[in-house]
Protein backbone atom coordinates (compact mmCIF):
# COMPACT_ATOMS: atom_id res chain seq x y z
CA MET A 1 5.51 1.49 -15.48
CA ARG A 2 2.84 -0.60 -13.75
CA TYR A 3 3.54 -4.14 -14.98
CA PHE A 4 6.97 -5.61 -14.33
CA ALA A 5 6.33 -9.30 -15.06
CA LEU A 6 4.35 -11.55 -17.39
CA VAL A 7 3.32 -14.88 -15.89
CA THR A 8 2.17 -17.49 -18.38
CA ASP A 9 0.89 -21.04 -18.45
CA TYR A 10 2.60 -23.43 -20.86
CA ASP A 11 0.31 -25.99 -22.53
CA GLY A 12 -2.54 -24.39 -24.44
CA THR A 13 -1.22 -20.93 -23.72
CA LEU A 14 2.44 -20.56 -24.72
CA ALA A 15 2.57 -23.88 -26.49
CA THR A 16 0.48 -25.67 -29.09
CA GLN A 17 0.89 -29.44 -28.85
CA GLY A 18 3.94 -28.76 -26.67
CA ILE A 19 5.66 -26.53 -29.27
CA VAL A 20 6.33 -22.78 -28.84
CA ASP A 21 6.42 -20.72 -32.03
CA GLU A 22 9.69 -18.98 -32.93
CA ASP A 23 7.96 -15.63 -33.45
CA LEU A 24 6.58 -15.83 -29.93
CA LEU A 25 10.06 -16.45 -28.54
CA GLN A 26 11.27 -13.28 -30.26
CA THR A 27 8.36 -11.31 -28.84
CA LEU A 28 9.12 -12.60 -25.35
CA ALA A 29 12.75 -11.61 -25.79
CA GLY A 30 11.56 -8.11 -26.64
CA LEU A 31 9.43 -8.05 -23.50
CA ARG A 32 12.46 -8.97 -21.42
CA GLY A 33 14.39 -6.25 -23.20
CA SER A 34 11.83 -3.74 -21.94
CA GLY A 35 12.97 -4.44 -18.38
CA ARG A 36 10.23 -6.92 -17.49
CA ARG A 37 10.49 -10.43 -16.07
CA LEU A 38 9.06 -13.70 -17.37
CA VAL A 39 7.66 -16.47 -15.17
CA MET A 40 6.23 -19.76 -16.41
CA VAL A 41 3.59 -21.56 -14.35
CA THR A 42 2.78 -25.09 -15.51
CA GLY A 43 1.27 -28.37 -14.40
CA ARG A 44 4.07 -30.29 -16.10
CA GLU A 45 6.81 -32.04 -14.23
CA LEU A 46 10.15 -30.27 -14.56
CA ASP A 47 12.01 -33.12 -16.28
CA ASP A 48 9.27 -33.42 -18.89
CA LEU A 49 9.27 -29.66 -19.46
CA GLN A 50 13.03 -29.57 -19.92
CA ARG A 51 12.83 -32.29 -22.55
CA THR A 52 9.99 -30.51 -24.34
CA PHE A 53 11.08 -26.86 -24.19
CA SER A 54 14.71 -25.89 -24.71
CA HIS A 55 14.40 -22.17 -23.90
CA LEU A 56 13.73 -22.22 -20.17
CA GLU A 57 16.64 -19.77 -19.68
CA MET A 58 14.35 -17.04 -21.05
CA PHE A 59 12.31 -17.31 -17.88
CA ASP A 60 13.39 -15.86 -14.55
CA ARG A 61 11.49 -18.55 -12.69
CA VAL A 62 9.54 -21.68 -13.58
CA VAL A 63 6.75 -22.86 -11.32
CA ALA A 64 6.22 -26.53 -12.19
CA GLU A 65 4.06 -29.41 -10.97
CA ASN A 66 1.05 -27.13 -10.59
CA GLY A 67 2.75 -24.96 -7.97
CA ALA A 68 4.67 -27.57 -5.99
CA LEU A 69 8.11 -26.78 -7.42
CA VAL A 70 9.92 -23.48 -8.06
CA TYR A 71 12.90 -23.66 -10.41
CA ASN A 72 15.59 -21.08 -11.21
CA PRO A 73 16.83 -21.75 -14.78
CA VAL A 74 20.02 -19.73 -14.21
CA THR A 75 21.25 -21.45 -11.05
CA ARG A 76 19.26 -24.66 -11.70
CA GLU A 77 18.17 -24.55 -8.10
CA GLU A 78 14.95 -26.41 -7.31
CA LYS A 79 12.70 -25.60 -4.37
CA VAL A 80 10.08 -28.23 -3.57
CA LEU A 81 7.25 -26.70 -1.56
CA CYS A 82 5.66 -29.86 -0.17
CA GLN A 83 6.12 -33.58 0.31
CA LYS A 84 4.96 -35.88 -2.44
CA PRO A 85 2.21 -38.40 -1.77
CA PRO A 86 3.49 -41.59 -0.10
CA GLU A 87 4.64 -44.53 -2.19
CA GLU A 88 1.81 -46.71 -0.93
CA PHE A 89 -0.64 -44.31 -2.65
CA VAL A 90 1.20 -44.63 -5.97
CA GLU A 91 1.40 -48.43 -5.60
CA LEU A 92 -2.34 -48.65 -4.90
CA LEU A 93 -3.12 -46.72 -8.09
CA ARG A 94 -0.88 -49.03 -10.11
CA ARG A 95 -2.48 -52.14 -8.65
CA ARG A 96 -5.89 -50.80 -9.61
CA GLY A 97 -4.90 -50.36 -13.23
CA VAL A 98 -4.36 -46.60 -13.53
CA ASP A 99 -2.53 -46.00 -16.83
CA GLY A 100 -0.40 -43.02 -17.81
CA LEU A 101 0.68 -42.55 -14.22
CA SER A 102 3.58 -40.17 -13.63
CA VAL A 103 5.28 -39.15 -10.39
CA GLY A 104 7.22 -35.93 -10.03
CA ARG A 105 9.03 -34.23 -7.15
CA ALA A 106 5.67 -33.67 -5.44
CA ILE A 107 2.92 -34.41 -7.94
CA VAL A 108 1.19 -37.62 -8.97
CA ALA A 109 -0.65 -37.31 -12.27
CA THR A 110 -2.81 -39.35 -14.60
CA TRP A 111 -5.72 -38.75 -16.98
CA GLU A 112 -9.48 -39.01 -17.03
CA PRO A 113 -11.40 -41.29 -16.49
CA TYR A 114 -9.16 -42.50 -13.64
CA GLU A 115 -10.23 -39.70 -11.29
CA LYS A 116 -12.74 -41.99 -9.56
CA ILE A 117 -10.05 -44.54 -8.70
CA VAL A 118 -7.78 -41.70 -7.50
CA LEU A 119 -10.47 -40.30 -5.20
CA GLU A 120 -11.29 -43.77 -3.84
CA ALA A 121 -7.59 -44.38 -3.08
CA ILE A 122 -7.28 -41.04 -1.25
CA ARG A 123 -10.37 -41.86 0.82
CA GLU A 124 -9.26 -45.41 1.55
CA LEU A 125 -5.81 -44.36 2.78
CA GLY A 126 -7.18 -41.36 4.70
CA MET A 127 -4.72 -38.90 3.16
CA GLU A 128 -5.04 -35.10 2.98
CA LEU A 129 -4.64 -34.78 -0.77
CA GLN A 130 -6.46 -32.75 -3.41
CA VAL A 131 -7.30 -33.53 -7.03
CA ILE A 132 -6.86 -30.78 -9.62
CA PHE A 133 -8.16 -31.04 -13.17
CA ASN A 134 -6.60 -29.57 -16.28
CA LYS A 135 -8.35 -30.31 -19.60
CA GLY A 136 -8.41 -34.06 -19.04
CA ALA A 137 -5.33 -34.26 -16.82
CA VAL A 138 -5.84 -35.43 -13.24
CA MET A 139 -3.22 -34.09 -10.80
CA VAL A 140 -2.86 -35.07 -7.16
CA LEU A 141 -1.11 -32.75 -4.70
CA PRO A 142 -1.11 -32.05 -0.96
CA SER A 143 -3.96 -29.79 0.11
CA GLY A 144 -3.28 -26.06 -0.27
CA ILE A 145 -0.82 -26.40 -3.16
CA ASN A 146 -1.74 -24.79 -6.47
CA LYS A 147 -0.23 -22.54 -9.10
CA ALA A 148 -0.77 -19.46 -6.93
CA THR A 149 1.22 -21.07 -4.08
CA GLY A 150 4.29 -21.52 -6.22
CA LEU A 151 3.89 -18.18 -7.97
CA LYS A 152 3.91 -16.33 -4.64
CA ILE A 153 7.26 -17.90 -3.78
CA ALA A 154 8.69 -17.14 -7.23
CA LEU A 155 7.62 -13.49 -7.04
CA GLU A 156 9.06 -13.14 -3.54
CA GLU A 157 12.39 -14.39 -4.82
CA LEU A 158 12.27 -11.85 -7.64
CA GLY A 159 11.15 -9.00 -5.37
CA ILE A 160 8.00 -8.42 -7.43
CA SER A 161 4.54 -7.72 -6.04
CA PRO A 162 1.57 -9.61 -7.54
CA HIS A 163 0.11 -6.13 -8.09
CA ASN A 164 2.76 -5.52 -10.74
CA VAL A 165 2.07 -8.75 -12.63
CA VAL A 166 0.02 -9.77 -15.68
CA GLY A 167 -1.01 -13.42 -15.84
CA VAL A 168 -2.29 -15.40 -18.83
CA GLY A 169 -3.72 -18.92 -19.02
CA ASP A 170 -6.29 -21.20 -20.63
CA ALA A 171 -7.53 -23.95 -18.28
CA GLU A 172 -9.28 -24.62 -14.99
CA ASN A 173 -6.07 -25.01 -12.98
CA ASP A 174 -5.12 -21.44 -13.97
CA HIS A 175 -7.85 -19.79 -11.92
CA ALA A 176 -5.75 -19.64 -8.75
CA PHE A 177 -2.70 -17.88 -10.18
CA LEU A 178 -4.75 -15.55 -12.38
CA ASP A 179 -6.70 -14.41 -9.31
CA LEU A 180 -3.39 -13.51 -7.69
CA CYS A 181 -2.26 -11.28 -10.58
CA GLU A 182 -3.21 -7.61 -10.88
CA CYS A 183 -4.38 -8.17 -14.44
CA SER A 184 -5.72 -11.58 -15.48
CA VAL A 185 -5.85 -12.58 -19.15
CA ALA A 186 -7.31 -15.59 -20.93
CA VAL A 187 -6.22 -16.60 -24.42
CA ALA A 188 -9.02 -16.94 -26.96
CA ASN A 189 -8.99 -20.76 -26.74
CA ALA A 190 -9.43 -20.78 -22.95
CA LEU A 191 -12.27 -22.53 -21.21
CA PRO A 192 -15.46 -20.42 -21.02
CA MET A 193 -15.37 -20.09 -17.22
CA LEU A 194 -11.79 -18.85 -17.30
CA LYS A 195 -12.64 -16.27 -19.95
CA LYS A 196 -15.65 -15.16 -17.94
CA GLY A 197 -13.52 -14.37 -14.90
CA ALA A 198 -10.58 -12.79 -16.74
CA ASP A 199 -10.02 -9.04 -17.01
CA PHE A 200 -9.19 -9.42 -20.71
CA VAL A 201 -9.48 -12.10 -23.41
CA THR A 202 -7.06 -12.01 -26.33
CA SER A 203 -8.40 -12.07 -29.86
CA GLU A 204 -5.83 -14.72 -30.82
CA GLU A 205 -5.42 -18.26 -29.55
CA ARG A 206 -2.53 -19.87 -27.68
CA GLY A 207 0.92 -18.46 -28.47
CA ALA A 208 -0.46 -15.83 -30.85
CA GLY A 209 -2.64 -14.58 -27.99
CA VAL A 210 0.40 -14.37 -25.69
CA SER A 211 2.25 -12.41 -28.41
CA GLU A 212 -0.73 -10.08 -28.68
CA LEU A 213 -0.66 -9.51 -24.93
CA ALA A 214 3.12 -9.03 -24.79
CA ARG A 215 2.98 -6.35 -27.49
CA MET A 216 0.21 -4.53 -25.60
CA ILE A 217 2.34 -4.55 -22.46
CA MET A 218 5.34 -3.12 -24.31
CA ASP A 219 3.29 -0.54 -26.22
CA THR A 220 0.96 0.85 -23.55
CA ASP A 221 1.64 -0.92 -20.24
CA LEU A 222 -2.02 -2.02 -20.59
CA ARG A 223 -3.39 1.45 -19.86
CA GLU A 224 -6.37 0.66 -22.08
CA LEU A 225 -7.37 -2.11 -19.66
CA GLU A 226 -7.51 0.17 -16.61
CA PRO A 227 -11.33 0.59 -16.75
CA ARG A 228 -11.70 -3.21 -16.55
CA LEU A 229 -9.81 -3.48 -13.27
CA ARG A 230 -12.59 -2.16 -11.05
CA ARG A 231 -12.18 -5.16 -8.72
CA HIS A 232 -9.04 -3.52 -7.33
CA GLU A 233 -10.58 -0.14 -6.57
CA VAL A 234 -10.27 1.08 -2.99
CA PRO A 235 -13.46 2.48 -1.41
CA LEU A 236 -13.30 5.91 0.24
CA GLY A 237 -16.90 6.36 1.33
CA THR A 238 -20.48 6.93 0.23
CA THR A 239 -21.88 9.90 -1.70
CA ALA A 240 -25.16 11.69 -1.01
CA ASP A 241 -26.99 9.46 -3.50
CA ARG A 242 -25.64 6.37 -1.68
CA LYS A 243 -23.14 5.43 -4.36
CA GLU A 244 -19.72 4.12 -3.42
CA LEU A 245 -16.86 6.56 -3.94
CA SER A 246 -13.67 4.67 -4.77
CA ILE A 247 -10.28 5.24 -6.37
CA SER A 248 -7.98 3.17 -8.49
CA PRO A 249 -4.99 1.92 -6.49
CA TYR A 250 -2.87 3.01 -9.43
CA GLY A 251 -3.70 6.46 -10.67
CA ALA A 252 -4.98 9.31 -8.57
CA SER A 253 -2.76 11.81 -6.80
CA MET A 254 -4.70 13.08 -3.79
CA LEU A 255 -4.59 16.08 -1.48
CA LEU A 256 -6.28 15.78 1.91
CA ALA A 257 -6.55 19.23 3.44
CA GLY A 258 -8.46 21.06 6.14
CA THR A 259 -8.49 22.41 9.65
CA SER A 260 -6.88 20.64 12.61
CA GLY A 261 -9.11 18.16 14.37
CA GLY A 262 -11.23 17.57 11.27
CA GLY A 263 -10.32 13.90 10.95
CA LYS A 264 -7.50 13.86 8.39
CA SER A 265 -5.52 11.20 10.26
CA THR A 266 -8.64 9.08 10.74
CA PHE A 267 -9.44 9.19 7.02
CA ALA A 268 -5.83 8.41 6.06
CA THR A 269 -5.70 5.50 8.51
CA GLY A 270 -8.85 3.96 7.01
CA LEU A 271 -7.46 4.31 3.48
CA LEU A 272 -4.16 2.72 4.50
CA GLU A 273 -6.01 -0.15 6.19
CA ARG A 274 -7.86 -0.92 2.98
CA LEU A 275 -4.69 -0.69 0.88
CA CYS A 276 -3.03 -3.07 3.31
CA GLU A 277 -5.92 -5.54 3.12
CA ARG A 278 -5.45 -5.67 -0.65
CA GLY A 279 -1.68 -6.14 -0.41
CA TYR A 280 -0.57 -2.77 -1.82
CA GLN A 281 2.72 -1.53 -0.41
CA PHE A 282 2.90 1.96 1.07
CA CYS A 283 5.42 4.32 2.62
CA ILE A 284 4.29 7.01 5.07
CA ILE A 285 6.56 10.00 5.63
CA ASP A 286 5.54 10.99 9.14
CA PRO A 287 7.05 14.23 10.49
CA GLU A 288 5.16 14.27 13.79
CA GLY A 289 4.84 10.60 14.76
CA ASP A 290 1.12 10.33 14.01
CA TYR A 291 1.51 6.81 12.57
CA GLN A 292 3.92 5.35 15.13
CA ASP A 293 1.34 2.78 16.20
CA PHE A 294 0.17 1.69 12.75
CA GLU A 295 0.39 -2.07 13.20
CA ALA A 296 0.58 -2.95 9.50
CA ALA A 297 3.89 -1.13 8.99
CA VAL A 298 7.45 -1.15 10.27
CA VAL A 299 8.44 2.15 11.87
CA LEU A 300 11.92 3.46 11.10
CA GLY A 301 13.11 6.33 13.26
CA ASP A 302 12.09 7.57 16.69
CA PRO A 303 12.55 10.77 18.74
CA LYS A 304 16.16 9.86 19.50
CA SER A 305 17.24 8.08 16.31
CA PRO A 306 16.49 9.57 12.89
CA PRO A 307 15.76 7.17 10.02
CA LEU A 308 18.22 6.43 7.24
CA VAL A 309 17.23 6.65 3.57
CA ASP A 310 19.14 3.48 2.69
CA ALA A 311 17.38 1.57 5.47
CA VAL A 312 13.97 2.66 4.17
CA VAL A 313 14.75 1.50 0.63
CA ARG A 314 16.30 -1.79 1.77
CA LEU A 315 13.25 -2.65 3.84
CA MET A 316 10.87 -1.77 1.02
CA GLU A 317 12.68 -4.09 -1.37
CA LYS A 318 10.43 -6.71 0.23
CA PRO A 319 7.03 -6.21 -1.45
CA ALA A 320 5.08 -7.19 1.66
CA GLU A 321 6.73 -4.62 3.95
CA ASN A 322 5.06 -1.27 4.60
CA VAL A 323 7.12 1.47 6.21
CA VAL A 324 6.46 4.49 8.41
CA VAL A 325 9.36 6.96 8.22
CA ASN A 326 9.26 8.75 11.58
CA LEU A 327 11.03 12.13 11.49
CA LEU A 328 10.74 13.06 15.17
CA GLY A 329 14.46 12.43 15.61
CA LEU A 330 15.22 15.23 13.15
CA SER A 331 14.96 18.90 14.01
CA LEU A 332 12.36 20.89 12.07
CA GLU A 333 14.94 22.59 9.90
CA HIS A 334 16.54 19.29 8.89
CA ARG A 335 13.35 17.45 7.93
CA PRO A 336 12.96 19.03 4.44
CA GLU A 337 16.61 18.19 3.72
CA PHE A 338 16.01 14.54 4.66
CA PHE A 339 12.86 14.46 2.56
CA ASP A 340 14.79 15.81 -0.43
CA ARG A 341 16.94 12.68 -0.23
CA LEU A 342 14.19 10.21 0.56
CA PHE A 343 11.62 11.28 -2.04
CA PRO A 344 13.91 10.80 -5.08
CA ALA A 345 14.95 7.41 -3.68
CA LEU A 346 11.31 6.33 -3.48
CA LEU A 347 10.59 7.59 -7.00
CA GLU A 348 13.66 5.73 -8.32
CA MET A 349 12.46 2.59 -6.60
CA ARG A 350 9.08 3.00 -8.28
CA THR A 351 10.78 3.25 -11.65
CA ARG A 352 12.70 0.07 -10.92
CA THR A 353 10.05 -2.06 -9.19
CA GLY A 354 6.68 -0.27 -9.39
CA ARG A 355 6.71 0.14 -5.61
CA PRO A 356 5.87 1.52 -3.13
CA HIS A 357 2.41 1.51 -4.62
CA TRP A 358 1.42 4.47 -2.43
CA ILE A 359 3.43 7.31 -0.92
CA VAL A 360 1.80 9.27 1.91
CA ILE A 361 3.30 12.63 2.91
CA ASP A 362 1.90 13.93 6.19
CA GLU A 363 2.34 17.61 7.11
CA THR A 364 3.20 18.29 3.47
CA HIS A 365 3.53 22.04 4.03
CA HIS A 366 6.61 21.36 6.20
CA LEU A 367 8.33 18.94 3.82
CA LEU A 368 7.31 20.54 0.51
CA PRO A 369 6.89 24.22 1.35
CA ALA A 370 5.86 26.84 -1.21
CA ALA A 371 9.52 27.78 -1.69
CA TRP A 372 10.55 24.18 -2.48
CA ASP A 373 12.56 23.95 -5.70
CA PRO A 374 11.43 21.02 -7.87
CA ALA A 375 14.65 21.30 -9.87
CA THR A 376 16.39 19.36 -7.10
CA VAL A 377 14.12 16.33 -7.66
CA ALA A 378 13.14 14.76 -10.97
CA ILE A 379 9.36 14.67 -10.58
CA PRO A 380 7.41 12.70 -13.20
CA GLU A 381 4.92 14.71 -15.21
CA ARG A 382 2.09 12.84 -13.48
CA LEU A 383 2.58 11.49 -9.99
CA HIS A 384 0.28 8.56 -9.28
CA SER A 385 -0.88 7.02 -6.01
CA LEU A 386 0.30 9.87 -3.85
CA LEU A 387 -1.51 11.21 -0.79
CA MET A 388 -0.46 14.61 0.55
CA ILE A 389 -1.92 15.75 3.89
CA THR A 390 -1.83 19.35 5.08
CA VAL A 391 -3.59 22.04 7.05
CA HIS A 392 -2.35 24.73 4.68
CA PRO A 393 -2.58 23.89 0.96
CA ASP A 394 -1.41 27.42 0.06
CA HIS A 395 1.86 26.70 1.92
CA VAL A 396 2.62 23.66 -0.28
CA SER A 397 4.85 23.79 -3.36
CA LYS A 398 2.88 24.72 -6.49
CA ALA A 399 4.79 22.04 -8.41
CA MET A 400 3.32 19.41 -6.10
CA LEU A 401 -0.15 20.95 -5.96
CA SER A 402 -0.29 20.82 -9.74
CA THR A 403 -0.01 17.00 -9.63
CA VAL A 404 -3.27 16.66 -7.64
CA ASP A 405 -6.16 14.83 -9.31
CA LEU A 406 -8.51 14.55 -6.32
CA ILE A 407 -8.74 17.08 -3.51
CA ILE A 408 -10.60 16.14 -0.33
CA ALA A 409 -11.51 19.02 1.97
CA ILE A 410 -12.27 18.28 5.60
CA GLY A 411 -12.98 20.23 8.74
CA ALA A 412 -14.68 23.53 9.56
CA ASP A 413 -14.48 25.37 6.22
CA PRO A 414 -14.12 23.05 3.17
CA GLY A 415 -15.03 25.88 0.79
CA ARG A 416 -12.12 27.94 2.00
CA THR A 417 -9.79 24.93 1.68
CA ILE A 418 -10.72 24.35 -1.98
CA ARG A 419 -10.63 28.08 -2.71
CA THR A 420 -7.16 28.37 -1.18
CA PHE A 421 -5.97 25.41 -3.24
CA SER A 422 -7.33 26.82 -6.52
CA GLU A 423 -6.02 30.32 -5.90
CA ALA A 424 -2.57 28.96 -5.08
CA LEU A 425 -2.48 27.48 -8.60
CA GLY A 426 -4.11 30.50 -10.23
CA GLU A 427 -7.11 28.40 -11.30
CA THR A 428 -10.82 29.10 -11.32
CA VAL A 429 -12.43 28.37 -7.98
CA PRO A 430 -15.27 25.83 -8.37
CA PRO A 431 -18.59 26.31 -6.60
CA VAL A 432 -18.46 24.43 -3.31
CA PRO A 433 -21.61 23.19 -1.52
CA ASP A 434 -22.41 25.42 1.45
CA VAL A 435 -22.56 22.75 4.13
CA GLU A 436 -21.41 22.38 7.70
CA LEU A 437 -19.45 19.16 7.87
CA GLU A 438 -19.84 16.75 10.72
CA GLN A 439 -17.22 14.24 11.80
CA GLY A 440 -16.50 11.83 8.94
CA GLU A 441 -18.01 14.11 6.27
CA MET A 442 -15.94 15.61 3.46
CA ILE A 443 -16.09 17.54 0.22
CA ALA A 444 -14.28 15.98 -2.74
CA TRP A 445 -13.42 17.40 -6.14
CA TRP A 446 -12.00 15.63 -9.19
CA ARG A 447 -9.96 18.58 -10.39
CA ARG A 448 -8.97 17.30 -13.84
CA ARG A 449 -12.37 16.01 -14.93
CA ASN A 450 -14.20 18.37 -17.27
CA GLY A 451 -17.39 19.67 -15.73
CA SER A 452 -16.63 18.07 -12.39
CA ALA A 453 -18.02 19.92 -9.37
CA PRO A 454 -17.15 19.43 -5.69
CA PHE A 455 -19.47 17.00 -3.92
CA TRP A 456 -20.22 15.74 -0.41
CA PHE A 457 -19.42 12.24 0.82
CA ARG A 458 -19.15 10.38 4.08
CA SER A 459 -15.88 8.53 4.55
CA LEU A 460 -15.50 4.94 5.69
CA PRO A 461 -14.11 4.81 9.23
CA PRO A 462 -11.07 2.72 10.10
CA LYS A 463 -11.86 -0.79 11.30
CA THR A 464 -9.74 -0.28 14.38
CA GLU A 465 -9.49 2.90 16.40
CA ARG A 466 -6.05 4.36 15.86
CA ARG A 467 -4.19 4.74 19.13
CA ARG A 468 -2.71 8.13 19.88
CA HIS A 469 1.03 8.28 19.47
CA ARG A 470 1.93 9.69 22.86
CA ARG A 471 5.67 9.92 22.34
CA LYS A 472 5.20 12.50 19.63
CA TYR A 473 3.81 14.91 22.21
CA ALA A 474 5.92 13.73 25.12
CA ASP A 475 9.43 14.20 23.74
CA GLY A 476 9.14 14.84 19.99
CA GLU A 477 9.47 18.25 18.39
CA LEU A 478 6.24 20.02 17.55
CA PRO A 479 6.44 22.85 15.03
CA PRO A 480 6.43 26.44 16.35
CA GLU A 481 2.72 26.86 15.66
CA GLY A 482 2.04 23.74 17.73
CA SER A 483 4.35 24.64 20.62
CA PHE A 484 3.47 26.42 23.88
CA PHE A 485 5.17 29.75 24.57
CA PHE A 486 5.56 31.06 28.11
CA ARG A 487 5.49 34.82 27.56
CA GLY A 488 4.30 36.16 30.92
CA PRO A 489 1.99 39.07 31.75
CA ASP A 490 4.17 41.68 30.06
CA GLY A 491 5.27 39.59 27.11
CA LYS A 492 8.92 39.82 28.16
CA LEU A 493 9.55 36.08 27.90
CA ASN A 494 9.54 33.80 24.86
CA LEU A 495 10.18 30.35 26.32
CA ARG A 496 9.15 27.69 23.82
CA ALA A 497 7.92 24.25 24.91
CA GLN A 498 8.03 22.08 21.77
CA ASN A 499 6.76 19.02 23.63
CA LEU A 500 5.22 18.02 26.94
CA GLN A 501 8.50 17.11 28.55
CA MET A 502 9.84 20.60 27.84
CA PHE A 503 6.55 22.10 29.00
CA LEU A 504 6.95 20.46 32.42
CA GLN A 505 10.60 21.50 32.67
CA ILE A 506 9.82 25.13 31.92
CA ALA A 507 6.79 25.02 34.21
CA ASP A 508 9.04 24.01 37.12
CA GLY A 509 11.53 26.81 36.45
CA VAL A 510 9.37 29.72 35.35
CA ASP A 511 8.44 32.42 37.89
CA ASP A 512 5.07 32.26 39.65
CA ASP A 513 3.70 35.40 37.95
CA THR A 514 4.29 33.94 34.49
CA TRP A 515 2.87 30.55 35.49
CA MET A 516 -0.27 31.98 37.05
CA PHE A 517 -0.78 34.45 34.17
CA HIS A 518 -1.25 31.58 31.71
CA LEU A 519 -3.18 29.51 34.26
CA ARG A 520 -5.80 32.23 34.81
CA LYS A 521 -6.18 32.73 31.04
CA GLU A 522 -6.75 28.97 30.71
CA ASP A 523 -3.95 28.85 28.14
CA TYR A 524 -2.78 25.42 29.29
CA SER A 525 -6.09 23.63 28.72
CA GLU A 526 -6.49 25.39 25.38
CA TRP A 527 -3.05 24.14 24.26
CA PHE A 528 -3.81 20.60 25.34
CA LYS A 529 -7.08 20.73 23.44
CA SER A 530 -6.08 22.48 20.19
CA ARG A 531 -2.43 21.50 19.78
CA ILE A 532 -1.92 18.31 21.77
CA LYS A 533 -5.40 17.28 20.63
CA ASP A 534 -6.25 15.62 23.92
CA PRO A 535 -9.70 16.83 25.04
CA ASP A 536 -9.68 14.59 28.13
CA LEU A 537 -6.44 16.13 29.38
CA ALA A 538 -7.74 19.60 28.50
CA ASP A 539 -10.89 19.06 30.55
CA ALA A 540 -8.92 17.79 33.53
CA VAL A 541 -6.56 20.78 33.43
CA LYS A 542 -9.43 23.24 33.01
CA GLU A 543 -10.82 22.08 36.35
CA ILE A 544 -7.48 23.01 37.92
CA GLU A 545 -7.45 26.39 36.15
CA LYS A 546 -10.92 27.20 37.50
CA ASP A 547 -9.83 26.70 41.11
CA ASN A 548 -9.37 30.32 42.14
CA GLY A 549 -7.78 29.46 45.46
CA ILE A 550 -5.07 27.15 44.15
CA SER A 551 -1.43 28.08 44.71
CA PRO A 552 1.26 28.14 41.98
CA GLU A 553 3.01 25.18 43.62
CA GLU A 554 -0.14 23.09 43.91
CA SER A 555 -1.32 23.88 40.37
CA ARG A 556 2.07 22.92 38.94
CA LYS A 557 2.00 19.64 40.85
CA ARG A 558 -1.55 18.72 39.81
CA ILE A 559 -1.04 19.59 36.12
CA ARG A 560 2.21 17.59 36.08
CA GLU A 561 0.33 14.60 37.52
CA LYS A 562 -2.37 14.86 34.85
CA VAL A 563 0.22 15.03 32.06
CA GLU A 564 2.45 12.25 33.39
CA GLU A 565 -0.37 9.76 33.88
CA ARG A 566 -1.20 10.08 30.17
CA TYR A 567 2.15 10.62 28.50
CA THR A 568 5.53 10.66 30.14
CA GLY A 569 5.07 7.26 31.78
CA GLU A 570 4.85 5.64 28.31
CA ALA A 571 7.51 7.81 26.72
């Protein structure tokens, strides 16, 4: 389910001449019965609304006074979000003959044509107030307060993201809150400018239009409106014909695959930046600490303290919190077991709240290996807004590969990546362009689209250069294929260094013959380059390896210095 709340204006939308039809009330009750919330957003003062409408208890929150007041009908708690204009302002309006003047908790309101007197009074007293119009009504509030202001607070209290909300209104003061909602709707009687900016306009007016919308939400979750929501699409890059490649924030399941060093983390970081800019919540499952420094997220877990599933879910109950789940504190063999507890918890949370909007699984082949049994996790038939990242698509569970809508191949051999993916599923291999990809270039393929062929595109880079997570390499646990093995000239040893700290410890204790054997083969610089992915360190160590007259003791000392100045000092 995508939409978990309907937010509606009152006058001219729910109500006609202040009255809400009984049939509409029954429809709204049905919407609540479907597990969704109701929020009213109105310019009316709360006391006036309570006298006019006797069914406020149907609504989980009421945002009154054009956003200045948030009211909980169950607890009757009121939260005023600003100070009301000073009494001298109200007295000045009365002295100047303004009729129909009303004063609420924070709002001062009247009607046209008194707006000129209102503006003159604001200017004369030098106050920071704004005037908002609503079909003849003239409302005065402190600057920065509008329906969107109050709605944000109401949704925070309910634990609902604006990206899981449908809003409906009719007048000029509804623009602000409709812009906040994922899907904006205008009833048929709405002002022309409001209808022009809305994602959808109902065929019926006022309450009948709201009933029409509520039934659509219950019947289809507004899937038919998805093509109209292009304003939310997230750009990925530019195709060869200079068209923007973008994805819906709610829909595609993606696989990002390719050789090491091809730029998978860079691409993922850019995508996450753009999701964050738009306010979509994400959870990154990070086995190797690659996202430890992602500033837009809270990191749970470190090399010494594994994360807790309950802590992840509790933190993500807040719609604005993004989370990186760092698994470095778990041994390799225990990471899949942890994931088998975390993944169902995230899917359950999605069922309950619609969030996290995106789930990113790095090193997917470790967490969802080919032998993974989907019977242990209730996977929806179609997984949406999922990004899986791997070097080896053929090592990933077929059940998860089958959910992929868009595959993005990156690195040295994109054709092989797509071929491996297709063969793993027993599907026909599509023709892949024979191109040599440069940094930032990729091959994409919409797998489920009839007649779709793989195509080239250039990805958008991240706005900020992602800092390397040094602790991952310093004292985390790299997988066996990423570790360094001291084997010696005769292959009698098998000493595994799963991180740089262990590398330095073994280097100090290993015999000179073994140490110099790997030094002369330039194994150390190759490991730093291909596995630690630090070309600067690799180049510095290669200079040491090329010194034919260097002693074992001196080479150990100099390599330790090069490593420590980059890593262990920070770790």
